[in-house]
Amino acid sequence: MNLKKDKRRIEKKSSRTAAMTCVCRASSFYEKSPYYKSNDNIALQLLPKFIHLLIKSKRIRSFLLKKLIPKGIYEYVIARTKVVDEIFLNAISDNFNQILLFGAGFDSRGIRLIGENEKTSIFELDVTTTISDKLKQYKKRKIDLGKIIFVEIDFNTEKIEDKLKMAGFQYNKKRIRK
C-alpha cells in the first residue's frame, strides 16, 4: 500500500477501522456464546441491508469474518467492547457528569447504554468524516441521538483540549451533585 497516497484518506472518507469494528459488533449480536454475544442492535442498523442479511447466517458470518478480518481481531473487538461497555455502565451508575468517547467511530454506547439517564452528557470525539457518516446513518434510520455531543476534530491541526472546551466539556468535573 502506498502510505503517502493513503495518508490523508481520513479527510475524505470515514475510518475503515470504525466500519470494521461496527461490522464485528453487529456480527456479535447474532452469536450464541455469551463470550461473543453482544446487545449492539444499533451497529446492526448502521450497516447496509445486504451486509446485515449476510451476517445473520452463522455459516456466512463465520466465512466473512475469517476472510475479511485478520485472525484474532474479531475476538479483540468483542472483548474490548464488553470491557468498555462495563466501564461506561459503571460511570453512569457512579453518577458521572460526563463521559468522553475518544475516537468514537461508529460507537453506539451513548444510545444503547444511557437508558433513562438524563444527567450524564456523552461527548463523542472523532474526525469530521466519520462523525458525518455516522450522523447520516442515524438520520437515515431515524435513530434518536439523545444528548450526545459530537465533537469534530482534525487530530493533526487542532488541540483536543480546545475542541472539548468549545463543546462544553468541563475538565475536573466527575460526579453529578445530588
N, C-alpha and C. Protein backbone atom coordinates (compact mmCIF):
# COMPACT_ATOMS: atom_id res chain seq x y z
N MET A 1 0.85 -1.18 0.00
CA MET A 1 0.00 0.00 0.00
C MET A 1 0.89 1.24 0.00
N ASN A 2 0.51 2.20 -0.77
CA ASN A 2 1.24 3.46 -0.84
C ASN A 2 0.77 4.36 0.30
N LEU A 3 1.56 4.47 1.36
CA LEU A 3 1.16 5.24 2.53
C LEU A 3 1.05 6.73 2.24
N LYS A 4 1.91 7.25 1.37
CA LYS A 4 1.81 8.67 1.04
C LYS A 4 0.47 8.98 0.40
N LYS A 5 0.04 8.14 -0.51
CA LYS A 5 -1.23 8.33 -1.19
C LYS A 5 -2.40 8.23 -0.21
N ASP A 6 -2.33 7.27 0.70
CA ASP A 6 -3.43 6.97 1.62
C ASP A 6 -3.35 7.76 2.92
N LYS A 7 -2.27 8.48 3.15
CA LYS A 7 -2.00 9.15 4.41
C LYS A 7 -3.14 10.07 4.87
N ARG A 8 -3.77 10.79 3.97
CA ARG A 8 -4.80 11.76 4.34
C ARG A 8 -6.20 11.25 3.96
N ARG A 9 -6.37 9.94 3.75
CA ARG A 9 -7.64 9.35 3.37
C ARG A 9 -8.75 9.75 4.35
N ILE A 10 -8.43 9.80 5.62
CA ILE A 10 -9.41 10.08 6.68
C ILE A 10 -10.08 11.44 6.50
N GLU A 11 -9.44 12.32 5.75
CA GLU A 11 -10.04 13.63 5.50
C GLU A 11 -11.14 13.57 4.44
N LYS A 12 -11.17 12.47 3.68
CA LYS A 12 -12.15 12.34 2.60
C LYS A 12 -13.20 11.27 2.88
N LYS A 13 -12.83 10.25 3.63
CA LYS A 13 -13.74 9.13 3.89
C LYS A 13 -13.66 8.75 5.36
N SER A 14 -14.75 8.20 5.86
CA SER A 14 -14.74 7.79 7.27
C SER A 14 -13.78 6.63 7.50
N SER A 15 -13.47 6.41 8.74
CA SER A 15 -12.47 5.43 9.16
C SER A 15 -12.86 3.99 8.79
N ARG A 16 -11.93 3.29 8.14
CA ARG A 16 -12.15 1.87 7.85
C ARG A 16 -12.19 1.07 9.14
N THR A 17 -11.36 1.47 10.09
CA THR A 17 -11.33 0.78 11.38
C THR A 17 -12.68 0.90 12.07
N ALA A 18 -13.29 2.09 12.02
CA ALA A 18 -14.61 2.28 12.62
C ALA A 18 -15.65 1.40 11.93
N ALA A 19 -15.56 1.30 10.61
CA ALA A 19 -16.52 0.48 9.86
C ALA A 19 -16.36 -1.00 10.20
N MET A 20 -15.12 -1.48 10.24
CA MET A 20 -14.90 -2.91 10.54
C MET A 20 -15.27 -3.23 11.99
N THR A 21 -15.03 -2.30 12.89
CA THR A 21 -15.43 -2.51 14.28
C THR A 21 -16.95 -2.62 14.36
N CYS A 22 -17.64 -1.79 13.61
CA CYS A 22 -19.10 -1.82 13.57
C CYS A 22 -19.59 -3.17 13.04
N VAL A 23 -18.95 -3.69 11.99
CA VAL A 23 -19.32 -4.99 11.44
C VAL A 23 -19.10 -6.08 12.49
N CYS A 24 -18.00 -6.02 13.22
CA CYS A 24 -17.73 -7.02 14.27
C CYS A 24 -18.80 -6.97 15.36
N ARG A 25 -19.12 -5.76 15.82
CA ARG A 25 -20.13 -5.62 16.88
C ARG A 25 -21.50 -6.08 16.40
N ALA A 26 -21.83 -5.77 15.14
CA ALA A 26 -23.11 -6.22 14.59
C ALA A 26 -23.13 -7.75 14.47
N SER A 27 -22.02 -8.33 14.04
CA SER A 27 -21.93 -9.79 13.93
C SER A 27 -22.11 -10.45 15.29
N SER A 28 -21.52 -9.85 16.31
CA SER A 28 -21.60 -10.45 17.65
C SER A 28 -23.03 -10.46 18.20
N PHE A 29 -23.88 -9.61 17.66
CA PHE A 29 -25.29 -9.59 18.08
C PHE A 29 -25.94 -10.95 17.82
N TYR A 30 -25.51 -11.65 16.77
CA TYR A 30 -26.11 -12.94 16.40
C TYR A 30 -25.40 -14.15 17.01
N GLU A 31 -24.37 -13.94 17.77
CA GLU A 31 -23.64 -15.06 18.39
C GLU A 31 -24.49 -15.72 19.47
N LYS A 32 -24.27 -17.00 19.66
CA LYS A 32 -24.98 -17.75 20.72
C LYS A 32 -24.17 -17.78 22.01
N SER A 33 -22.86 -17.87 21.89
CA SER A 33 -21.98 -17.95 23.06
C SER A 33 -22.00 -16.63 23.82
N PRO A 34 -22.16 -16.69 25.15
CA PRO A 34 -22.15 -15.45 25.94
C PRO A 34 -20.80 -14.72 25.88
N TYR A 35 -19.75 -15.43 25.51
CA TYR A 35 -18.43 -14.80 25.39
C TYR A 35 -18.36 -13.88 24.17
N TYR A 36 -19.17 -14.17 23.17
CA TYR A 36 -19.17 -13.38 21.93
C TYR A 36 -20.42 -12.55 21.75
N LYS A 37 -21.49 -12.92 22.38
CA LYS A 37 -22.79 -12.26 22.19
C LYS A 37 -22.76 -10.83 22.72
N SER A 38 -23.35 -9.92 21.92
CA SER A 38 -23.48 -8.53 22.38
C SER A 38 -24.94 -8.10 22.24
N ASN A 39 -25.23 -6.94 22.78
CA ASN A 39 -26.58 -6.38 22.66
C ASN A 39 -26.58 -5.17 21.72
N ASP A 40 -25.59 -5.11 20.84
CA ASP A 40 -25.44 -3.92 20.00
C ASP A 40 -26.34 -3.98 18.76
N ASN A 41 -27.62 -3.74 18.98
CA ASN A 41 -28.56 -3.71 17.87
C ASN A 41 -28.40 -2.43 17.03
N ILE A 42 -27.77 -1.41 17.58
CA ILE A 42 -27.54 -0.17 16.84
C ILE A 42 -26.51 -0.41 15.73
N ALA A 43 -25.46 -1.17 16.02
CA ALA A 43 -24.46 -1.49 14.99
C ALA A 43 -25.14 -2.17 13.81
N LEU A 44 -26.07 -3.05 14.08
CA LEU A 44 -26.83 -3.70 13.00
C LEU A 44 -27.53 -2.69 12.11
N GLN A 45 -28.13 -1.71 12.73
CA GLN A 45 -28.89 -0.71 11.98
C GLN A 45 -28.00 0.19 11.13
N LEU A 46 -26.74 0.33 11.51
CA LEU A 46 -25.83 1.20 10.77
C LEU A 46 -25.28 0.54 9.51
N LEU A 47 -25.42 -0.78 9.42
CA LEU A 47 -24.88 -1.49 8.27
C LEU A 47 -25.85 -1.47 7.09
N PRO A 48 -25.32 -1.54 5.87
CA PRO A 48 -26.20 -1.70 4.71
C PRO A 48 -27.00 -3.00 4.85
N LYS A 49 -28.20 -3.01 4.33
CA LYS A 49 -29.11 -4.16 4.48
C LYS A 49 -28.49 -5.47 4.02
N PHE A 50 -27.76 -5.45 2.89
CA PHE A 50 -27.21 -6.70 2.38
C PHE A 50 -26.16 -7.29 3.32
N ILE A 51 -25.38 -6.45 3.99
CA ILE A 51 -24.40 -6.96 4.96
C ILE A 51 -25.13 -7.51 6.18
N HIS A 52 -26.15 -6.81 6.60
CA HIS A 52 -26.97 -7.27 7.72
C HIS A 52 -27.51 -8.67 7.42
N LEU A 53 -28.04 -8.88 6.23
CA LEU A 53 -28.58 -10.19 5.85
C LEU A 53 -27.49 -11.26 5.81
N LEU A 54 -26.31 -10.90 5.33
CA LEU A 54 -25.21 -11.86 5.26
C LEU A 54 -24.76 -12.32 6.65
N ILE A 55 -24.59 -11.37 7.57
CA ILE A 55 -24.07 -11.76 8.88
C ILE A 55 -25.11 -12.46 9.75
N LYS A 56 -26.36 -12.42 9.35
CA LYS A 56 -27.41 -13.11 10.09
C LYS A 56 -27.20 -14.64 10.04
N SER A 57 -26.68 -15.12 8.93
CA SER A 57 -26.41 -16.55 8.76
C SER A 57 -25.08 -16.89 9.42
N LYS A 58 -25.11 -17.85 10.34
CA LYS A 58 -23.88 -18.22 11.07
C LYS A 58 -22.79 -18.69 10.11
N ARG A 59 -23.17 -19.47 9.12
CA ARG A 59 -22.20 -20.02 8.18
C ARG A 59 -21.54 -18.89 7.36
N ILE A 60 -22.36 -18.00 6.84
CA ILE A 60 -21.82 -16.89 6.03
C ILE A 60 -21.03 -15.93 6.92
N ARG A 61 -21.54 -15.66 8.12
CA ARG A 61 -20.85 -14.76 9.07
C ARG A 61 -19.46 -15.31 9.38
N SER A 62 -19.37 -16.58 9.69
CA SER A 62 -18.07 -17.20 10.00
C SER A 62 -17.12 -17.09 8.82
N PHE A 63 -17.63 -17.37 7.64
CA PHE A 63 -16.81 -17.29 6.43
C PHE A 63 -16.29 -15.86 6.23
N LEU A 64 -17.19 -14.88 6.32
CA LEU A 64 -16.79 -13.48 6.11
C LEU A 64 -15.79 -13.01 7.15
N LEU A 65 -16.04 -13.36 8.40
CA LEU A 65 -15.12 -12.93 9.46
C LEU A 65 -13.73 -13.53 9.27
N LYS A 66 -13.67 -14.79 8.80
CA LYS A 66 -12.37 -15.42 8.57
C LYS A 66 -11.65 -14.82 7.36
N LYS A 67 -12.40 -14.44 6.33
CA LYS A 67 -11.79 -13.93 5.10
C LYS A 67 -11.49 -12.43 5.14
N LEU A 68 -12.31 -11.66 5.85
CA LEU A 68 -12.17 -10.20 5.81
C LEU A 68 -11.38 -9.61 6.97
N ILE A 69 -11.33 -10.32 8.07
CA ILE A 69 -10.73 -9.75 9.28
C ILE A 69 -9.53 -10.59 9.71
N PRO A 70 -8.40 -9.96 9.95
CA PRO A 70 -7.22 -10.73 10.39
C PRO A 70 -7.53 -11.56 11.66
N LYS A 71 -6.87 -12.69 11.76
CA LYS A 71 -7.07 -13.61 12.87
C LYS A 71 -6.91 -12.90 14.21
N GLY A 72 -7.88 -13.09 15.10
CA GLY A 72 -7.83 -12.54 16.45
C GLY A 72 -8.47 -11.16 16.60
N ILE A 73 -8.69 -10.46 15.50
CA ILE A 73 -9.24 -9.10 15.58
C ILE A 73 -10.70 -9.14 16.05
N TYR A 74 -11.49 -10.08 15.53
CA TYR A 74 -12.90 -10.17 15.93
C TYR A 74 -13.00 -10.37 17.44
N GLU A 75 -12.22 -11.31 17.96
CA GLU A 75 -12.23 -11.60 19.39
C GLU A 75 -11.78 -10.37 20.19
N TYR A 76 -10.75 -9.70 19.69
CA TYR A 76 -10.26 -8.49 20.35
C TYR A 76 -11.34 -7.42 20.41
N VAL A 77 -12.00 -7.17 19.29
CA VAL A 77 -13.05 -6.14 19.24
C VAL A 77 -14.19 -6.47 20.19
N ILE A 78 -14.60 -7.72 20.22
CA ILE A 78 -15.72 -8.12 21.09
C ILE A 78 -15.31 -8.00 22.57
N ALA A 79 -14.11 -8.48 22.90
CA ALA A 79 -13.64 -8.37 24.29
C ALA A 79 -13.53 -6.91 24.71
N ARG A 80 -12.94 -6.08 23.85
CA ARG A 80 -12.80 -4.65 24.15
C ARG A 80 -14.18 -3.99 24.30
N THR A 81 -15.11 -4.33 23.45
CA THR A 81 -16.46 -3.77 23.53
C THR A 81 -17.10 -4.12 24.86
N LYS A 82 -16.99 -5.37 25.28
CA LYS A 82 -17.59 -5.79 26.55
C LYS A 82 -16.96 -5.06 27.74
N VAL A 83 -15.65 -4.90 27.73
CA VAL A 83 -14.96 -4.21 28.82
C VAL A 83 -15.35 -2.74 28.86
N VAL A 84 -15.32 -2.07 27.71
CA VAL A 84 -15.66 -0.64 27.69
C VAL A 84 -17.13 -0.42 28.01
N ASP A 85 -18.01 -1.32 27.58
CA ASP A 85 -19.43 -1.23 27.96
C ASP A 85 -19.59 -1.27 29.48
N GLU A 86 -18.85 -2.17 30.10
CA GLU A 86 -18.93 -2.29 31.56
C GLU A 86 -18.41 -1.01 32.24
N ILE A 87 -17.32 -0.48 31.77
CA ILE A 87 -16.77 0.77 32.33
C ILE A 87 -17.78 1.90 32.14
N PHE A 88 -18.38 1.98 30.97
CA PHE A 88 -19.39 3.00 30.66
C PHE A 88 -20.57 2.90 31.62
N LEU A 89 -21.09 1.68 31.80
CA LEU A 89 -22.22 1.48 32.70
C LEU A 89 -21.86 1.81 34.15
N ASN A 90 -20.66 1.47 34.57
CA ASN A 90 -20.20 1.82 35.92
C ASN A 90 -20.12 3.33 36.10
N ALA A 91 -19.65 4.03 35.09
CA ALA A 91 -19.57 5.50 35.17
C ALA A 91 -20.97 6.10 35.32
N ILE A 92 -21.92 5.56 34.61
CA ILE A 92 -23.29 6.05 34.72
C ILE A 92 -23.85 5.76 36.11
N SER A 93 -23.64 4.54 36.59
CA SER A 93 -24.18 4.21 37.92
C SER A 93 -23.44 4.95 39.03
N ASP A 94 -22.21 5.38 38.78
CA ASP A 94 -21.45 6.19 39.75
C ASP A 94 -21.75 7.68 39.62
N ASN A 95 -22.76 8.01 38.84
CA ASN A 95 -23.21 9.40 38.67
C ASN A 95 -22.17 10.31 38.05
N PHE A 96 -21.43 9.82 37.07
CA PHE A 96 -20.52 10.69 36.36
C PHE A 96 -21.32 11.74 35.60
N ASN A 97 -20.83 12.96 35.60
CA ASN A 97 -21.50 14.06 34.93
C ASN A 97 -21.33 13.99 33.42
N GLN A 98 -20.18 13.51 32.97
CA GLN A 98 -19.90 13.46 31.54
C GLN A 98 -18.99 12.27 31.23
N ILE A 99 -19.15 11.77 30.03
CA ILE A 99 -18.33 10.66 29.56
C ILE A 99 -17.80 11.05 28.19
N LEU A 100 -16.50 10.85 27.99
CA LEU A 100 -15.86 11.15 26.71
C LEU A 100 -15.51 9.85 26.00
N LEU A 101 -16.01 9.70 24.78
CA LEU A 101 -15.65 8.57 23.93
C LEU A 101 -14.67 9.11 22.89
N PHE A 102 -13.42 8.81 23.11
CA PHE A 102 -12.33 9.34 22.29
C PHE A 102 -12.16 8.47 21.05
N GLY A 103 -12.22 9.06 19.86
CA GLY A 103 -12.14 8.28 18.63
C GLY A 103 -13.33 7.35 18.53
N ALA A 104 -14.52 7.90 18.71
CA ALA A 104 -15.75 7.12 18.88
C ALA A 104 -16.12 6.26 17.68
N GLY A 105 -15.74 6.64 16.48
CA GLY A 105 -16.10 5.84 15.31
C GLY A 105 -17.60 5.68 15.22
N PHE A 106 -18.04 4.44 14.98
CA PHE A 106 -19.47 4.15 14.89
C PHE A 106 -19.98 3.55 16.20
N ASP A 107 -19.38 3.97 17.30
CA ASP A 107 -19.77 3.54 18.64
C ASP A 107 -21.23 3.88 18.89
N SER A 108 -21.93 3.03 19.64
CA SER A 108 -23.35 3.28 19.92
C SER A 108 -23.67 3.33 21.41
N ARG A 109 -22.65 3.35 22.25
CA ARG A 109 -22.88 3.33 23.70
C ARG A 109 -23.77 4.47 24.18
N GLY A 110 -23.56 5.65 23.65
CA GLY A 110 -24.33 6.81 24.07
C GLY A 110 -25.83 6.66 23.84
N ILE A 111 -26.20 5.75 22.95
CA ILE A 111 -27.61 5.49 22.66
C ILE A 111 -28.09 4.24 23.38
N ARG A 112 -27.36 3.14 23.23
CA ARG A 112 -27.87 1.87 23.72
C ARG A 112 -27.66 1.63 25.22
N LEU A 113 -26.74 2.37 25.86
CA LEU A 113 -26.47 2.12 27.28
C LEU A 113 -26.89 3.25 28.21
N ILE A 114 -27.20 4.39 27.67
CA ILE A 114 -27.50 5.54 28.54
C ILE A 114 -28.86 5.37 29.23
N GLY A 115 -29.78 4.68 28.61
CA GLY A 115 -31.09 4.44 29.23
C GLY A 115 -31.82 5.72 29.55
N GLU A 116 -32.39 5.77 30.71
CA GLU A 116 -33.19 6.92 31.12
C GLU A 116 -32.35 8.01 31.78
N ASN A 117 -31.05 7.82 31.84
CA ASN A 117 -30.17 8.79 32.49
C ASN A 117 -30.17 10.10 31.71
N GLU A 118 -30.73 11.11 32.28
CA GLU A 118 -30.79 12.43 31.64
C GLU A 118 -29.68 13.35 32.13
N LYS A 119 -28.91 12.92 33.11
CA LYS A 119 -27.94 13.80 33.74
C LYS A 119 -26.53 13.69 33.16
N THR A 120 -26.19 12.54 32.59
CA THR A 120 -24.84 12.34 32.07
C THR A 120 -24.76 12.80 30.62
N SER A 121 -23.80 13.67 30.33
CA SER A 121 -23.55 14.12 28.97
C SER A 121 -22.53 13.20 28.33
N ILE A 122 -22.79 12.80 27.09
CA ILE A 122 -21.87 11.94 26.35
C ILE A 122 -21.23 12.77 25.26
N PHE A 123 -19.89 12.84 25.28
CA PHE A 123 -19.13 13.55 24.26
C PHE A 123 -18.45 12.51 23.38
N GLU A 124 -18.70 12.58 22.08
CA GLU A 124 -18.03 11.70 21.13
C GLU A 124 -17.07 12.52 20.30
N LEU A 125 -15.81 12.20 20.38
CA LEU A 125 -14.75 12.92 19.69
C LEU A 125 -14.22 12.07 18.54
N ASP A 126 -14.24 12.63 17.33
CA ASP A 126 -13.67 11.91 16.18
C ASP A 126 -13.49 12.87 15.01
N VAL A 127 -12.93 12.35 13.93
CA VAL A 127 -12.71 13.17 12.75
C VAL A 127 -14.04 13.49 12.08
N THR A 128 -14.08 14.59 11.38
CA THR A 128 -15.31 15.09 10.75
C THR A 128 -15.95 14.06 9.83
N THR A 129 -15.16 13.40 9.00
CA THR A 129 -15.73 12.46 8.03
C THR A 129 -16.45 11.31 8.71
N THR A 130 -15.88 10.78 9.77
CA THR A 130 -16.50 9.66 10.47
C THR A 130 -17.77 10.11 11.19
N ILE A 131 -17.71 11.23 11.88
CA ILE A 131 -18.91 11.74 12.56
C ILE A 131 -20.01 12.04 11.54
N SER A 132 -19.65 12.65 10.44
CA SER A 132 -20.62 12.99 9.41
C SER A 132 -21.31 11.75 8.86
N ASP A 133 -20.54 10.72 8.54
CA ASP A 133 -21.12 9.47 8.03
C ASP A 133 -22.01 8.80 9.08
N LYS A 134 -21.57 8.84 10.31
CA LYS A 134 -22.36 8.24 11.40
C LYS A 134 -23.69 8.99 11.55
N LEU A 135 -23.64 10.31 11.55
CA LEU A 135 -24.87 11.09 11.70
C LEU A 135 -25.82 10.88 10.52
N LYS A 136 -25.27 10.72 9.32
CA LYS A 136 -26.11 10.43 8.14
C LYS A 136 -26.86 9.11 8.34
N GLN A 137 -26.15 8.11 8.84
CA GLN A 137 -26.78 6.80 9.06
C GLN A 137 -27.84 6.87 10.15
N TYR A 138 -27.54 7.58 11.23
CA TYR A 138 -28.52 7.74 12.31
C TYR A 138 -29.78 8.44 11.80
N LYS A 139 -29.58 9.49 11.02
CA LYS A 139 -30.72 10.24 10.50
C LYS A 139 -31.52 9.38 9.52
N LYS A 140 -30.84 8.70 8.63
CA LYS A 140 -31.48 7.85 7.63
C LYS A 140 -32.34 6.77 8.30
N ARG A 141 -31.87 6.28 9.43
CA ARG A 141 -32.57 5.19 10.12
C ARG A 141 -33.44 5.68 11.28
N LYS A 142 -33.54 7.00 11.39
CA LYS A 142 -34.37 7.64 12.42
C LYS A 142 -34.01 7.18 13.84
N ILE A 143 -32.71 7.13 14.11
CA ILE A 143 -32.21 6.74 15.44
C ILE A 143 -32.07 8.01 16.28
N ASP A 144 -32.71 8.02 17.42
CA ASP A 144 -32.66 9.17 18.33
C ASP A 144 -31.27 9.28 18.95
N LEU A 145 -30.69 10.46 18.86
CA LEU A 145 -29.33 10.69 19.36
C LEU A 145 -29.27 11.03 20.84
N GLY A 146 -30.41 11.25 21.45
CA GLY A 146 -30.39 11.61 22.86
C GLY A 146 -29.60 12.89 23.08
N LYS A 147 -28.75 12.87 24.10
CA LYS A 147 -27.96 14.07 24.46
C LYS A 147 -26.51 13.97 24.02
N ILE A 148 -26.22 13.18 23.03
CA ILE A 148 -24.83 13.03 22.59
C ILE A 148 -24.33 14.34 21.99
N ILE A 149 -23.12 14.71 22.37
CA ILE A 149 -22.48 15.90 21.83
C ILE A 149 -21.33 15.42 20.94
N PHE A 150 -21.45 15.67 19.66
CA PHE A 150 -20.45 15.23 18.70
C PHE A 150 -19.40 16.32 18.54
N VAL A 151 -18.15 15.96 18.73
CA VAL A 151 -17.04 16.91 18.66
C VAL A 151 -16.13 16.50 17.50
N GLU A 152 -16.17 17.30 16.44
CA GLU A 152 -15.33 17.04 15.26
C GLU A 152 -13.95 17.63 15.47
N ILE A 153 -12.94 16.86 15.04
CA ILE A 153 -11.57 17.33 15.24
C ILE A 153 -10.66 16.84 14.11
N ASP A 154 -9.70 17.66 13.76
CA ASP A 154 -8.60 17.25 12.91
C ASP A 154 -7.44 17.03 13.87
N PHE A 155 -7.12 15.79 14.13
CA PHE A 155 -6.09 15.46 15.13
C PHE A 155 -4.72 16.01 14.75
N ASN A 156 -4.51 16.31 13.47
CA ASN A 156 -3.22 16.81 13.01
C ASN A 156 -3.04 18.30 13.26
N THR A 157 -4.14 19.05 13.33
CA THR A 157 -4.00 20.51 13.40
C THR A 157 -4.71 21.14 14.59
N GLU A 158 -5.59 20.43 15.25
CA GLU A 158 -6.37 21.02 16.33
C GLU A 158 -6.03 20.37 17.67
N LYS A 159 -6.18 21.15 18.74
CA LYS A 159 -5.91 20.66 20.08
C LYS A 159 -7.18 20.05 20.67
N ILE A 160 -7.03 18.87 21.22
CA ILE A 160 -8.16 18.16 21.82
C ILE A 160 -8.79 19.00 22.92
N GLU A 161 -7.96 19.58 23.78
CA GLU A 161 -8.46 20.38 24.90
C GLU A 161 -9.33 21.54 24.42
N ASP A 162 -8.89 22.22 23.35
CA ASP A 162 -9.65 23.35 22.82
C ASP A 162 -11.00 22.91 22.26
N LYS A 163 -10.99 21.82 21.49
CA LYS A 163 -12.23 21.34 20.88
C LYS A 163 -13.24 20.90 21.94
N LEU A 164 -12.75 20.20 22.97
CA LEU A 164 -13.65 19.74 24.04
C LEU A 164 -14.20 20.92 24.83
N LYS A 165 -13.36 21.88 25.12
CA LYS A 165 -13.81 23.06 25.87
C LYS A 165 -14.89 23.81 25.09
N MET A 166 -14.69 23.97 23.78
CA MET A 166 -15.69 24.65 22.94
C MET A 166 -17.01 23.88 22.91
N ALA A 167 -16.94 22.56 23.08
CA ALA A 167 -18.15 21.73 23.05
C ALA A 167 -18.86 21.69 24.41
N GLY A 168 -18.23 22.27 25.43
CA GLY A 168 -18.86 22.31 26.75
C GLY A 168 -18.36 21.27 27.73
N PHE A 169 -17.33 20.52 27.34
CA PHE A 169 -16.75 19.54 28.26
C PHE A 169 -16.09 20.28 29.41
N GLN A 170 -16.38 19.84 30.64
CA GLN A 170 -15.85 20.51 31.83
C GLN A 170 -14.79 19.63 32.48
N TYR A 171 -13.55 20.09 32.37
CA TYR A 171 -12.46 19.34 32.98
C TYR A 171 -12.61 19.32 34.49
N ASN A 172 -12.14 18.26 35.11
CA ASN A 172 -12.15 18.07 36.56
C ASN A 172 -13.55 17.97 37.16
N LYS A 173 -14.56 17.79 36.36
CA LYS A 173 -15.92 17.59 36.89
C LYS A 173 -16.26 16.13 36.69
N LYS A 174 -16.42 15.42 37.79
CA LYS A 174 -16.60 13.97 37.71
C LYS A 174 -18.02 13.54 37.96
N ARG A 175 -18.55 13.93 39.11
CA ARG A 175 -19.85 13.37 39.50
C ARG A 175 -20.94 14.42 39.52
N ILE A 176 -22.13 13.92 39.33
CA ILE A 176 -23.32 14.77 39.38
C ILE A 176 -23.62 15.05 40.85
N ARG A 177 -23.88 16.28 41.15
CA ARG A 177 -24.28 16.61 42.52
C ARG A 177 -25.72 16.21 42.75
N LYS A 178 -25.96 15.57 43.88
CA LYS A 178 -27.33 15.10 44.17
C LYS A 178 -28.08 16.11 44.97
